[in-house]
Amino acid sequence: MDLKENFRPFVICAAILVWFSLGLQFGVSLALSGGDYPATIKVFLSYFTITTNIIVAICFTRLSFFKRDQSNHLFSKASTLTAITVYIVVVGLIYNVMLRGLILPTGWARAADELLHVVSPLVFLLFWIFFVKKASLLYKQAITWLIYPLLYVVFVVIRGYLINKYPYPFIDVAQLGYPKAILNAIIVIFIFWLLSLLFIFIGKKTAKA
């Protein structure tokens, strides 16, 4: 098992926080759609921010009920936990570097925005720093971790082709055209890979300290 002792209180509180954040965002989105549940769910699940925070929430929830004899469980492995760390950190980076300010939400929408794009990434990063044993990390794992973001890009492109709507401006084919949008997607995937290598490097270094 790649988890340190006494992680349970942290993950229980974190699970509650992230599920609350997701519920709050869903409530805001539902209100904006006039109470249309099917339409809200379709749009809600089209965002990488949401799907990644759902993964984070599931991870924290599963670890809240973790038993010591389940040491081979998916969410007890350093590789899985580091991959999720990379995913949610990218959520925070892209939003705060590229997307912040494009839309200016207020009230509960602003609270949900900050919780999902700032608080959740920081909470999972702290969990990774203080509770994950990182000695077993391998550089070759970084390639495997790209499967999720690659699948998301494929999903966005196919969905966009069918309905002509895209969740993020930097992959909006309707506005940018396929060459520019695909180039942006490749750059984002490259960022995932570089961050994965960086986290593996940091993890292996700190494990030896």
N, C-alpha and C. Protein backbone atom coordinates (compact mmCIF):
# COMPACT_ATOMS: atom_id res chain seq x y z
N MET A 1 0.84 -1.20 0.00
CA MET A 1 0.00 0.00 0.00
C MET A 1 0.87 1.24 0.00
N ASP A 2 0.51 2.22 -0.83
CA ASP A 2 1.33 3.42 -0.98
C ASP A 2 0.74 4.63 -0.24
N LEU A 3 0.13 4.36 0.91
CA LEU A 3 -0.45 5.43 1.71
C LEU A 3 0.16 5.43 3.11
N LYS A 4 0.39 6.62 3.64
CA LYS A 4 0.94 6.75 4.98
C LYS A 4 -0.18 6.65 6.01
N GLU A 5 0.21 6.58 7.27
CA GLU A 5 -0.76 6.45 8.34
C GLU A 5 -1.60 7.73 8.50
N ASN A 6 -2.75 7.56 9.12
CA ASN A 6 -3.60 8.69 9.55
C ASN A 6 -4.09 9.56 8.40
N PHE A 7 -4.31 8.97 7.23
CA PHE A 7 -4.82 9.74 6.10
C PHE A 7 -6.33 9.87 6.13
N ARG A 8 -7.02 9.02 6.90
CA ARG A 8 -8.48 8.94 6.82
C ARG A 8 -9.20 10.24 7.19
N PRO A 9 -8.86 10.92 8.29
CA PRO A 9 -9.57 12.19 8.58
C PRO A 9 -9.46 13.20 7.45
N PHE A 10 -8.30 13.26 6.82
CA PHE A 10 -8.10 14.21 5.72
C PHE A 10 -9.00 13.86 4.55
N VAL A 11 -9.03 12.58 4.14
CA VAL A 11 -9.79 12.22 2.95
C VAL A 11 -11.30 12.31 3.19
N ILE A 12 -11.74 12.07 4.41
CA ILE A 12 -13.18 12.21 4.72
C ILE A 12 -13.61 13.66 4.54
N CYS A 13 -12.84 14.58 5.12
CA CYS A 13 -13.15 16.01 4.98
C CYS A 13 -13.05 16.45 3.52
N ALA A 14 -12.03 15.95 2.82
CA ALA A 14 -11.82 16.32 1.42
C ALA A 14 -12.96 15.81 0.54
N ALA A 15 -13.42 14.58 0.80
CA ALA A 15 -14.53 14.02 0.02
C ALA A 15 -15.79 14.87 0.17
N ILE A 16 -16.09 15.26 1.40
CA ILE A 16 -17.27 16.11 1.65
C ILE A 16 -17.13 17.44 0.90
N LEU A 17 -15.95 18.01 0.96
CA LEU A 17 -15.71 19.31 0.30
C LEU A 17 -15.90 19.22 -1.21
N VAL A 18 -15.32 18.21 -1.84
CA VAL A 18 -15.37 18.12 -3.30
C VAL A 18 -16.78 17.77 -3.78
N TRP A 19 -17.46 16.85 -3.07
CA TRP A 19 -18.84 16.54 -3.45
C TRP A 19 -19.74 17.77 -3.30
N PHE A 20 -19.51 18.54 -2.23
CA PHE A 20 -20.27 19.78 -2.05
C PHE A 20 -20.01 20.74 -3.21
N SER A 21 -18.75 20.86 -3.62
CA SER A 21 -18.39 21.75 -4.72
C SER A 21 -19.08 21.34 -6.01
N LEU A 22 -19.09 20.04 -6.28
CA LEU A 22 -19.76 19.53 -7.48
C LEU A 22 -21.26 19.77 -7.42
N GLY A 23 -21.84 19.51 -6.25
CA GLY A 23 -23.28 19.73 -6.09
C GLY A 23 -23.65 21.19 -6.26
N LEU A 24 -22.80 22.06 -5.72
CA LEU A 24 -23.04 23.50 -5.85
C LEU A 24 -22.98 23.92 -7.32
N GLN A 25 -21.98 23.45 -8.04
CA GLN A 25 -21.86 23.79 -9.46
C GLN A 25 -23.03 23.24 -10.26
N PHE A 26 -23.47 22.04 -9.93
CA PHE A 26 -24.61 21.46 -10.64
C PHE A 26 -25.86 22.29 -10.38
N GLY A 27 -26.04 22.73 -9.13
CA GLY A 27 -27.19 23.56 -8.80
C GLY A 27 -27.18 24.88 -9.56
N VAL A 28 -26.00 25.49 -9.66
CA VAL A 28 -25.87 26.74 -10.42
C VAL A 28 -26.19 26.50 -11.89
N SER A 29 -25.64 25.42 -12.45
CA SER A 29 -25.88 25.11 -13.87
C SER A 29 -27.35 24.79 -14.13
N LEU A 30 -27.97 24.09 -13.19
CA LEU A 30 -29.38 23.73 -13.33
C LEU A 30 -30.25 24.99 -13.34
N ALA A 31 -29.93 25.92 -12.48
CA ALA A 31 -30.69 27.18 -12.43
C ALA A 31 -30.55 27.95 -13.74
N LEU A 32 -29.35 27.95 -14.30
CA LEU A 32 -29.12 28.66 -15.56
C LEU A 32 -29.87 28.03 -16.73
N SER A 33 -30.10 26.71 -16.63
CA SER A 33 -30.82 26.01 -17.71
C SER A 33 -32.33 26.03 -17.51
N GLY A 34 -32.78 26.71 -16.46
CA GLY A 34 -34.22 26.76 -16.20
C GLY A 34 -34.79 25.47 -15.65
N GLY A 35 -33.93 24.67 -14.99
CA GLY A 35 -34.41 23.43 -14.39
C GLY A 35 -34.44 22.24 -15.33
N ASP A 36 -33.76 22.35 -16.46
CA ASP A 36 -33.72 21.26 -17.44
C ASP A 36 -32.61 20.27 -17.05
N TYR A 37 -33.01 19.18 -16.37
CA TYR A 37 -32.03 18.22 -15.86
C TYR A 37 -31.23 17.54 -16.97
N PRO A 38 -31.86 16.97 -18.00
CA PRO A 38 -31.09 16.30 -19.05
C PRO A 38 -30.07 17.23 -19.72
N ALA A 39 -30.49 18.45 -20.06
CA ALA A 39 -29.58 19.40 -20.70
C ALA A 39 -28.44 19.77 -19.77
N THR A 40 -28.76 19.96 -18.49
CA THR A 40 -27.73 20.33 -17.52
C THR A 40 -26.70 19.23 -17.36
N ILE A 41 -27.17 17.99 -17.27
CA ILE A 41 -26.25 16.85 -17.10
C ILE A 41 -25.33 16.72 -18.31
N LYS A 42 -25.88 16.88 -19.50
CA LYS A 42 -25.07 16.77 -20.72
C LYS A 42 -23.96 17.81 -20.75
N VAL A 43 -24.30 19.04 -20.44
CA VAL A 43 -23.29 20.11 -20.45
C VAL A 43 -22.33 19.93 -19.28
N PHE A 44 -22.87 19.60 -18.13
CA PHE A 44 -22.08 19.44 -16.90
C PHE A 44 -20.95 18.44 -17.11
N LEU A 45 -21.27 17.31 -17.70
CA LEU A 45 -20.30 16.23 -17.86
C LEU A 45 -19.38 16.43 -19.06
N SER A 46 -19.56 17.51 -19.81
CA SER A 46 -18.70 17.77 -20.96
C SER A 46 -17.42 18.50 -20.57
N TYR A 47 -17.33 18.95 -19.31
CA TYR A 47 -16.17 19.72 -18.86
C TYR A 47 -15.14 18.82 -18.17
N PHE A 48 -13.89 18.98 -18.56
CA PHE A 48 -12.80 18.24 -17.94
C PHE A 48 -12.72 18.55 -16.45
N THR A 49 -13.00 19.80 -16.10
CA THR A 49 -13.02 20.20 -14.69
C THR A 49 -13.97 19.33 -13.89
N ILE A 50 -15.16 19.10 -14.42
CA ILE A 50 -16.17 18.33 -13.71
C ILE A 50 -15.80 16.86 -13.65
N THR A 51 -15.44 16.26 -14.78
CA THR A 51 -15.12 14.83 -14.77
C THR A 51 -13.92 14.55 -13.88
N THR A 52 -12.95 15.45 -13.87
CA THR A 52 -11.77 15.25 -13.03
C THR A 52 -12.11 15.42 -11.56
N ASN A 53 -12.93 16.40 -11.23
CA ASN A 53 -13.34 16.56 -9.84
C ASN A 53 -14.21 15.39 -9.38
N ILE A 54 -14.97 14.80 -10.27
CA ILE A 54 -15.72 13.60 -9.92
C ILE A 54 -14.77 12.46 -9.59
N ILE A 55 -13.70 12.31 -10.39
CA ILE A 55 -12.68 11.30 -10.09
C ILE A 55 -12.06 11.56 -8.73
N VAL A 56 -11.74 12.83 -8.45
CA VAL A 56 -11.16 13.21 -7.16
C VAL A 56 -12.12 12.85 -6.02
N ALA A 57 -13.40 13.19 -6.19
CA ALA A 57 -14.40 12.91 -5.16
C ALA A 57 -14.56 11.41 -4.93
N ILE A 58 -14.59 10.63 -6.01
CA ILE A 58 -14.70 9.17 -5.89
C ILE A 58 -13.47 8.61 -5.17
N CYS A 59 -12.31 9.12 -5.53
CA CYS A 59 -11.06 8.67 -4.90
C CYS A 59 -11.09 8.93 -3.40
N PHE A 60 -11.39 10.16 -3.01
CA PHE A 60 -11.44 10.50 -1.59
C PHE A 60 -12.50 9.68 -0.85
N THR A 61 -13.65 9.48 -1.50
CA THR A 61 -14.73 8.70 -0.88
C THR A 61 -14.31 7.26 -0.68
N ARG A 62 -13.69 6.67 -1.71
CA ARG A 62 -13.24 5.28 -1.60
C ARG A 62 -12.20 5.13 -0.51
N LEU A 63 -11.29 6.09 -0.41
CA LEU A 63 -10.26 6.02 0.63
C LEU A 63 -10.84 6.25 2.02
N SER A 64 -11.97 6.92 2.10
CA SER A 64 -12.62 7.13 3.40
C SER A 64 -13.07 5.81 4.02
N PHE A 65 -13.35 4.82 3.15
CA PHE A 65 -13.80 3.51 3.61
C PHE A 65 -12.74 2.44 3.39
N PHE A 66 -11.51 2.89 3.23
CA PHE A 66 -10.41 1.96 2.90
C PHE A 66 -10.07 1.07 4.09
N LYS A 67 -9.79 -0.19 3.79
CA LYS A 67 -9.37 -1.15 4.81
C LYS A 67 -7.95 -1.61 4.50
N ARG A 68 -7.22 -1.90 5.54
CA ARG A 68 -5.80 -2.25 5.38
C ARG A 68 -5.59 -3.51 4.55
N ASP A 69 -6.57 -4.41 4.51
CA ASP A 69 -6.40 -5.64 3.73
C ASP A 69 -6.71 -5.42 2.24
N GLN A 70 -6.98 -4.16 1.86
CA GLN A 70 -7.25 -3.82 0.46
C GLN A 70 -6.05 -3.08 -0.14
N SER A 71 -4.86 -3.53 0.19
CA SER A 71 -3.65 -2.81 -0.17
C SER A 71 -3.40 -2.75 -1.68
N ASN A 72 -4.05 -3.62 -2.44
CA ASN A 72 -3.85 -3.61 -3.89
C ASN A 72 -4.96 -2.86 -4.63
N HIS A 73 -5.78 -2.16 -3.88
CA HIS A 73 -6.88 -1.42 -4.50
C HIS A 73 -6.32 -0.31 -5.38
N LEU A 74 -7.03 0.02 -6.45
CA LEU A 74 -6.59 1.02 -7.43
C LEU A 74 -6.21 2.34 -6.76
N PHE A 75 -7.05 2.82 -5.83
CA PHE A 75 -6.82 4.12 -5.21
C PHE A 75 -5.82 4.10 -4.07
N SER A 76 -5.21 2.94 -3.82
CA SER A 76 -4.16 2.88 -2.80
C SER A 76 -2.77 2.89 -3.43
N LYS A 77 -2.72 2.99 -4.77
CA LYS A 77 -1.45 2.93 -5.49
C LYS A 77 -0.91 4.33 -5.79
N ALA A 78 0.38 4.49 -5.61
CA ALA A 78 1.01 5.79 -5.86
C ALA A 78 0.83 6.24 -7.30
N SER A 79 0.86 5.30 -8.23
CA SER A 79 0.71 5.64 -9.64
C SER A 79 -0.65 6.28 -9.91
N THR A 80 -1.70 5.64 -9.40
CA THR A 80 -3.06 6.18 -9.59
C THR A 80 -3.21 7.54 -8.94
N LEU A 81 -2.74 7.66 -7.72
CA LEU A 81 -2.91 8.90 -6.96
C LEU A 81 -2.08 10.04 -7.56
N THR A 82 -0.92 9.71 -8.11
CA THR A 82 -0.10 10.74 -8.75
C THR A 82 -0.72 11.18 -10.08
N ALA A 83 -1.29 10.23 -10.82
CA ALA A 83 -1.97 10.58 -12.07
C ALA A 83 -3.13 11.53 -11.79
N ILE A 84 -3.93 11.23 -10.77
CA ILE A 84 -5.06 12.10 -10.42
C ILE A 84 -4.54 13.47 -9.98
N THR A 85 -3.43 13.48 -9.28
CA THR A 85 -2.83 14.77 -8.88
C THR A 85 -2.49 15.60 -10.10
N VAL A 86 -1.89 14.98 -11.10
CA VAL A 86 -1.55 15.68 -12.34
C VAL A 86 -2.81 16.22 -13.00
N TYR A 87 -3.84 15.39 -13.10
CA TYR A 87 -5.08 15.81 -13.76
C TYR A 87 -5.69 17.04 -13.09
N ILE A 88 -5.82 16.99 -11.76
CA ILE A 88 -6.50 18.08 -11.07
C ILE A 88 -5.61 19.33 -10.99
N VAL A 89 -4.30 19.15 -10.96
CA VAL A 89 -3.41 20.32 -10.99
C VAL A 89 -3.50 21.01 -12.35
N VAL A 90 -3.60 20.24 -13.43
CA VAL A 90 -3.78 20.83 -14.76
C VAL A 90 -5.09 21.61 -14.82
N VAL A 91 -6.14 21.08 -14.19
CA VAL A 91 -7.41 21.81 -14.11
C VAL A 91 -7.19 23.19 -13.52
N GLY A 92 -6.47 23.23 -12.40
CA GLY A 92 -6.20 24.51 -11.75
C GLY A 92 -5.32 25.42 -12.59
N LEU A 93 -4.29 24.87 -13.19
CA LEU A 93 -3.36 25.68 -13.99
C LEU A 93 -4.04 26.29 -15.21
N ILE A 94 -4.75 25.47 -15.97
CA ILE A 94 -5.37 25.96 -17.20
C ILE A 94 -6.41 27.02 -16.88
N TYR A 95 -7.20 26.79 -15.84
CA TYR A 95 -8.22 27.78 -15.50
C TYR A 95 -7.60 29.10 -15.08
N ASN A 96 -6.63 29.02 -14.18
CA ASN A 96 -6.07 30.25 -13.61
C ASN A 96 -5.12 30.97 -14.55
N VAL A 97 -4.51 30.24 -15.49
CA VAL A 97 -3.58 30.87 -16.42
C VAL A 97 -4.27 31.31 -17.72
N MET A 98 -5.21 30.48 -18.21
CA MET A 98 -5.78 30.72 -19.53
C MET A 98 -7.24 31.19 -19.52
N LEU A 99 -8.02 30.76 -18.53
CA LEU A 99 -9.46 30.98 -18.59
C LEU A 99 -9.99 31.99 -17.59
N ARG A 100 -9.26 32.23 -16.53
CA ARG A 100 -9.75 33.17 -15.52
C ARG A 100 -9.96 34.55 -16.13
N GLY A 101 -11.11 35.12 -15.88
CA GLY A 101 -11.42 36.44 -16.40
C GLY A 101 -12.25 36.43 -17.67
N LEU A 102 -12.29 35.28 -18.37
CA LEU A 102 -13.10 35.22 -19.59
C LEU A 102 -14.59 35.32 -19.25
N ILE A 103 -14.94 34.71 -18.11
CA ILE A 103 -16.30 34.81 -17.57
C ILE A 103 -16.15 35.28 -16.14
N LEU A 104 -17.01 36.18 -15.70
CA LEU A 104 -16.93 36.72 -14.35
C LEU A 104 -18.17 36.31 -13.55
N PRO A 105 -18.15 35.09 -12.99
CA PRO A 105 -19.30 34.63 -12.21
C PRO A 105 -19.41 35.38 -10.89
N THR A 106 -20.61 35.41 -10.35
CA THR A 106 -20.84 36.06 -9.06
C THR A 106 -21.63 35.12 -8.15
N GLY A 107 -21.65 35.45 -6.88
CA GLY A 107 -22.44 34.69 -5.93
C GLY A 107 -22.00 33.25 -5.82
N TRP A 108 -22.99 32.34 -5.82
CA TRP A 108 -22.69 30.92 -5.68
C TRP A 108 -21.90 30.37 -6.86
N ALA A 109 -22.12 30.95 -8.04
CA ALA A 109 -21.35 30.52 -9.22
C ALA A 109 -19.87 30.79 -9.02
N ARG A 110 -19.54 31.93 -8.44
CA ARG A 110 -18.14 32.27 -8.15
C ARG A 110 -17.57 31.32 -7.11
N ALA A 111 -18.36 31.02 -6.09
CA ALA A 111 -17.91 30.08 -5.05
C ALA A 111 -17.61 28.71 -5.64
N ALA A 112 -18.51 28.22 -6.48
CA ALA A 112 -18.30 26.91 -7.11
C ALA A 112 -17.06 26.93 -8.00
N ASP A 113 -16.87 28.01 -8.74
CA ASP A 113 -15.71 28.16 -9.61
C ASP A 113 -14.40 28.05 -8.82
N GLU A 114 -14.33 28.78 -7.73
CA GLU A 114 -13.11 28.78 -6.93
C GLU A 114 -12.89 27.44 -6.25
N LEU A 115 -13.96 26.82 -5.78
CA LEU A 115 -13.83 25.52 -5.12
C LEU A 115 -13.30 24.46 -6.08
N LEU A 116 -13.83 24.43 -7.30
CA LEU A 116 -13.46 23.39 -8.25
C LEU A 116 -12.12 23.64 -8.94
N HIS A 117 -11.77 24.91 -9.12
CA HIS A 117 -10.55 25.24 -9.87
C HIS A 117 -9.36 25.62 -9.00
N VAL A 118 -9.59 25.93 -7.74
CA VAL A 118 -8.50 26.35 -6.86
C VAL A 118 -8.40 25.45 -5.62
N VAL A 119 -9.50 25.36 -4.88
CA VAL A 119 -9.47 24.62 -3.62
C VAL A 119 -9.26 23.13 -3.84
N SER A 120 -10.03 22.54 -4.74
CA SER A 120 -9.90 21.10 -4.99
C SER A 120 -8.49 20.71 -5.46
N PRO A 121 -7.90 21.42 -6.45
CA PRO A 121 -6.52 21.09 -6.82
C PRO A 121 -5.53 21.21 -5.67
N LEU A 122 -5.67 22.25 -4.85
CA LEU A 122 -4.76 22.42 -3.72
C LEU A 122 -4.93 21.32 -2.68
N VAL A 123 -6.18 20.94 -2.43
CA VAL A 123 -6.45 19.88 -1.44
C VAL A 123 -5.84 18.56 -1.89
N PHE A 124 -6.03 18.22 -3.19
CA PHE A 124 -5.47 16.94 -3.65
C PHE A 124 -3.95 16.99 -3.69
N LEU A 125 -3.40 18.14 -4.04
CA LEU A 125 -1.95 18.29 -4.05
C LEU A 125 -1.38 18.10 -2.64
N LEU A 126 -2.03 18.67 -1.65
CA LEU A 126 -1.59 18.51 -0.26
C LEU A 126 -1.69 17.04 0.16
N PHE A 127 -2.76 16.38 -0.26
CA PHE A 127 -2.91 14.96 0.04
C PHE A 127 -1.75 14.17 -0.55
N TRP A 128 -1.41 14.47 -1.80
CA TRP A 128 -0.30 13.77 -2.47
C TRP A 128 1.02 14.03 -1.75
N ILE A 129 1.25 15.25 -1.35
CA ILE A 129 2.51 15.62 -0.69
C ILE A 129 2.67 14.92 0.65
N PHE A 130 1.62 14.90 1.44
CA PHE A 130 1.75 14.47 2.84
C PHE A 130 1.34 13.02 3.11
N PHE A 131 0.55 12.41 2.21
CA PHE A 131 0.01 11.08 2.55
C PHE A 131 0.33 9.98 1.54
N VAL A 132 0.93 10.31 0.41
CA VAL A 132 1.22 9.29 -0.61
C VAL A 132 2.69 8.91 -0.57
N LYS A 133 2.97 7.60 -0.48
CA LYS A 133 4.33 7.10 -0.57
C LYS A 133 4.70 7.01 -2.06
N LYS A 134 5.79 7.61 -2.43
CA LYS A 134 6.06 7.81 -3.86
C LYS A 134 7.25 7.01 -4.40
N ALA A 135 7.83 6.15 -3.59
CA ALA A 135 9.04 5.44 -4.00
C ALA A 135 8.82 4.52 -5.20
N SER A 136 7.60 4.04 -5.40
CA SER A 136 7.33 3.07 -6.47
C SER A 136 7.05 3.72 -7.83
N LEU A 137 7.06 5.04 -7.89
CA LEU A 137 6.76 5.72 -9.15
C LEU A 137 7.83 5.44 -10.21
N LEU A 138 7.38 5.29 -11.46
CA LEU A 138 8.29 5.03 -12.59
C LEU A 138 8.01 6.03 -13.70
N TYR A 139 9.06 6.46 -14.39
CA TYR A 139 8.89 7.44 -15.46
C TYR A 139 8.02 6.93 -16.61
N LYS A 140 8.07 5.64 -16.86
CA LYS A 140 7.29 5.09 -17.97
C LYS A 140 5.78 5.19 -17.71
N GLN A 141 5.39 5.36 -16.45
CA GLN A 141 3.97 5.47 -16.13
C GLN A 141 3.35 6.75 -16.69
N ALA A 142 4.16 7.75 -16.96
CA ALA A 142 3.65 9.03 -17.47
C ALA A 142 2.90 8.86 -18.78
N ILE A 143 3.32 7.91 -19.62
CA ILE A 143 2.64 7.67 -20.90
C ILE A 143 1.24 7.11 -20.66
N THR A 144 1.12 6.17 -19.74
CA THR A 144 -0.18 5.57 -19.42
C THR A 144 -1.14 6.62 -18.88
N TRP A 145 -0.64 7.56 -18.12
CA TRP A 145 -1.48 8.60 -17.52
C TRP A 145 -2.10 9.52 -18.57
N LEU A 146 -1.59 9.49 -19.79
CA LEU A 146 -2.13 10.35 -20.85
C LEU A 146 -3.43 9.80 -21.45
N ILE A 147 -3.78 8.57 -21.12
CA ILE A 147 -4.97 7.95 -21.72
C ILE A 147 -6.23 8.76 -21.43
N TYR A 148 -6.40 9.16 -20.17
CA TYR A 148 -7.60 9.91 -19.79
C TYR A 148 -7.72 11.25 -20.53
N PRO A 149 -6.70 12.11 -20.50
CA PRO A 149 -6.84 13.36 -21.25
C PRO A 149 -6.98 13.16 -22.76
N LEU A 150 -6.33 12.12 -23.31
CA LEU A 150 -6.48 11.84 -24.75
C LEU A 150 -7.91 11.43 -25.08
N LEU A 151 -8.48 10.58 -24.25
CA LEU A 151 -9.88 10.16 -24.46
C LEU A 151 -10.81 11.36 -24.35
N TYR A 152 -10.50 12.27 -23.43
CA TYR A 152 -11.33 13.46 -23.28
C TYR A 152 -11.27 14.32 -24.55
N VAL A 153 -10.08 14.50 -25.10
CA VAL A 153 -9.93 15.29 -26.33
C VAL A 153 -10.72 14.66 -27.47
N VAL A 154 -10.63 13.35 -27.61
CA VAL A 154 -11.39 12.65 -28.65
C VAL A 154 -12.89 12.87 -28.45
N PHE A 155 -13.33 12.75 -27.20
CA PHE A 155 -14.74 12.96 -26.88
C PHE A 155 -15.19 14.37 -27.26
N VAL A 156 -14.38 15.37 -26.91
CA VAL A 156 -14.72 16.77 -27.19
C VAL A 156 -14.81 17.02 -28.69
N VAL A 157 -13.86 16.47 -29.43
CA VAL A 157 -13.85 16.67 -30.88
C VAL A 157 -15.08 16.03 -31.53
N ILE A 158 -15.39 14.80 -31.14
CA ILE A 158 -16.56 14.11 -31.71
C ILE A 158 -17.84 14.82 -31.31
N ARG A 159 -17.95 15.16 -30.03
CA ARG A 159 -19.15 15.87 -29.54
C ARG A 159 -19.30 17.21 -30.25
N GLY A 160 -18.19 17.93 -30.39
CA GLY A 160 -18.23 19.23 -31.06
C GLY A 160 -18.65 19.12 -32.51
N TYR A 161 -18.16 18.07 -33.16
CA TYR A 161 -18.52 17.86 -34.57
C TYR A 161 -20.02 17.62 -34.72
N LEU A 162 -20.60 16.91 -33.74
CA LEU A 162 -22.01 16.56 -33.81
C LEU A 162 -22.93 17.72 -33.44
N ILE A 163 -22.53 18.54 -32.45
CA ILE A 163 -23.44 19.59 -31.98
C ILE A 163 -22.87 21.01 -32.17
N ASN A 164 -21.64 21.08 -32.68
CA ASN A 164 -20.98 22.37 -32.95
C ASN A 164 -20.83 23.22 -31.68
N LYS A 165 -20.57 22.57 -30.56
CA LYS A 165 -20.32 23.28 -29.31
C LYS A 165 -19.11 22.66 -28.62
N TYR A 166 -18.28 23.50 -28.02
CA TYR A 166 -17.05 23.05 -27.38
C TYR A 166 -16.95 23.67 -25.98
N PRO A 167 -16.51 22.89 -24.99
CA PRO A 167 -16.51 23.39 -23.61
C PRO A 167 -15.44 24.43 -23.31
N TYR A 168 -14.35 24.44 -24.10
CA TYR A 168 -13.25 25.36 -23.82
C TYR A 168 -12.85 26.11 -25.09
N PRO A 169 -12.55 27.40 -24.98
CA PRO A 169 -12.24 28.21 -26.17
C PRO A 169 -10.98 27.77 -26.90
N PHE A 170 -10.00 27.19 -26.20
CA PHE A 170 -8.75 26.83 -26.87
C PHE A 170 -8.86 25.55 -27.70
N ILE A 171 -10.01 24.85 -27.61
CA ILE A 171 -10.24 23.70 -28.49
C ILE A 171 -11.56 23.87 -29.24
N ASP A 172 -11.98 25.10 -29.41
CA ASP A 172 -13.22 25.40 -30.12
C ASP A 172 -12.95 25.40 -31.63
N VAL A 173 -13.23 24.28 -32.26
CA VAL A 173 -12.96 24.12 -33.70
C VAL A 173 -13.78 25.11 -34.50
N ALA A 174 -15.00 25.41 -34.06
CA ALA A 174 -15.86 26.34 -34.79
C ALA A 174 -15.23 27.73 -34.90
N GLN A 175 -14.48 28.13 -33.87
CA GLN A 175 -13.86 29.45 -33.86
C GLN A 175 -12.43 29.43 -34.39
N LEU A 176 -11.70 28.37 -34.08
CA LEU A 176 -10.27 28.31 -34.39
C LEU A 176 -9.94 27.54 -35.66
N GLY A 177 -10.81 26.63 -36.04
CA GLY A 177 -10.49 25.71 -37.13
C GLY A 177 -9.75 24.49 -36.57
N TYR A 178 -9.76 23.40 -37.32
CA TYR A 178 -9.17 22.15 -36.83
C TYR A 178 -7.65 22.25 -36.60
N PRO A 179 -6.87 22.86 -37.51
CA PRO A 179 -5.42 22.90 -37.28
C PRO A 179 -5.03 23.57 -35.96
N LYS A 180 -5.59 24.75 -35.69
CA LYS A 180 -5.26 25.48 -34.47
C LYS A 180 -5.78 24.76 -33.24
N ALA A 181 -7.00 24.25 -33.31
CA ALA A 181 -7.59 23.56 -32.16
C ALA A 181 -6.81 22.29 -31.83
N ILE A 182 -6.42 21.55 -32.87
CA ILE A 182 -5.66 20.31 -32.65
C ILE A 182 -4.28 20.63 -32.10
N LEU A 183 -3.65 21.70 -32.60
CA LEU A 183 -2.36 22.12 -32.07
C LEU A 183 -2.47 22.47 -30.60
N ASN A 184 -3.51 23.19 -30.22
CA ASN A 184 -3.72 23.54 -28.82
C ASN A 184 -3.92 22.29 -27.97
N ALA A 185 -4.67 21.33 -28.51
CA ALA A 185 -4.90 20.08 -27.78
C ALA A 185 -3.58 19.33 -27.57
N ILE A 186 -2.73 19.32 -28.61
CA ILE A 186 -1.43 18.66 -28.49
C ILE A 186 -0.57 19.34 -27.44
N ILE A 187 -0.61 20.66 -27.40
CA ILE A 187 0.16 21.41 -26.40
C ILE A 187 -0.31 21.06 -24.99
N VAL A 188 -1.63 20.96 -24.81
CA VAL A 188 -2.18 20.62 -23.49
C VAL A 188 -1.76 19.20 -23.10
N ILE A 189 -1.82 18.27 -24.05
CA ILE A 189 -1.39 16.89 -23.75
C ILE A 189 0.09 16.87 -23.38
N PHE A 190 0.89 17.68 -24.08
CA PHE A 190 2.32 17.78 -23.77
C PHE A 190 2.53 18.31 -22.36
N ILE A 191 1.70 19.27 -21.96
CA ILE A 191 1.77 19.80 -20.60
C ILE A 191 1.47 18.69 -19.58
N PHE A 192 0.46 17.87 -19.88
CA PHE A 192 0.16 16.73 -19.01
C PHE A 192 1.38 15.84 -18.86
N TRP A 193 2.03 15.55 -19.97
CA TRP A 193 3.19 14.64 -19.94
C TRP A 193 4.35 15.25 -19.15
N LEU A 194 4.64 16.53 -19.40
CA LEU A 194 5.72 17.20 -18.67
C LEU A 194 5.45 17.25 -17.17
N LEU A 195 4.22 17.58 -16.81
CA LEU A 195 3.87 17.63 -15.39
C LEU A 195 3.96 16.24 -14.75
N SER A 196 3.56 15.23 -15.52
CA SER A 196 3.66 13.86 -15.01
C SER A 196 5.11 13.51 -14.70
N LEU A 197 6.01 13.84 -15.63
CA LEU A 197 7.44 13.58 -15.40
C LEU A 197 7.95 14.37 -14.20
N LEU A 198 7.49 15.61 -14.06
CA LEU A 198 7.91 16.45 -12.95
C LEU A 198 7.45 15.86 -11.62
N PHE A 199 6.20 15.42 -11.55
CA PHE A 199 5.69 14.84 -10.30
C PHE A 199 6.39 13.53 -9.97
N ILE A 200 6.69 12.74 -10.99
CA ILE A 200 7.44 11.50 -10.74
C ILE A 200 8.83 11.83 -10.22
N PHE A 201 9.48 12.80 -10.84
CA PHE A 201 10.81 13.22 -10.39
C PHE A 201 10.78 13.69 -8.94
N ILE A 202 9.84 14.57 -8.63
CA ILE A 202 9.71 15.09 -7.26
C ILE A 202 9.40 13.96 -6.28
N GLY A 203 8.50 13.07 -6.71
CA GLY A 203 8.12 11.95 -5.84
C GLY A 203 9.28 11.05 -5.52
N LYS A 204 10.09 10.72 -6.54
CA LYS A 204 11.23 9.83 -6.31
C LYS A 204 12.29 10.53 -5.45
N LYS A 205 12.49 11.83 -5.66
CA LYS A 205 13.47 12.57 -4.87
C LYS A 205 13.05 12.65 -3.41
N THR A 206 11.80 12.98 -3.18
CA THR A 206 11.33 13.11 -1.80
C THR A 206 11.26 11.75 -1.09
N ALA A 207 11.05 10.70 -1.87
CA ALA A 207 11.00 9.36 -1.27
C ALA A 207 12.36 8.95 -0.74
N LYS A 208 13.42 9.46 -1.36
CA LYS A 208 14.78 9.13 -0.92
C LYS A 208 15.24 10.01 0.24
N ALA A 209 14.55 11.12 0.44
CA ALA A 209 14.99 12.09 1.47
C ALA A 209 14.77 11.54 2.87
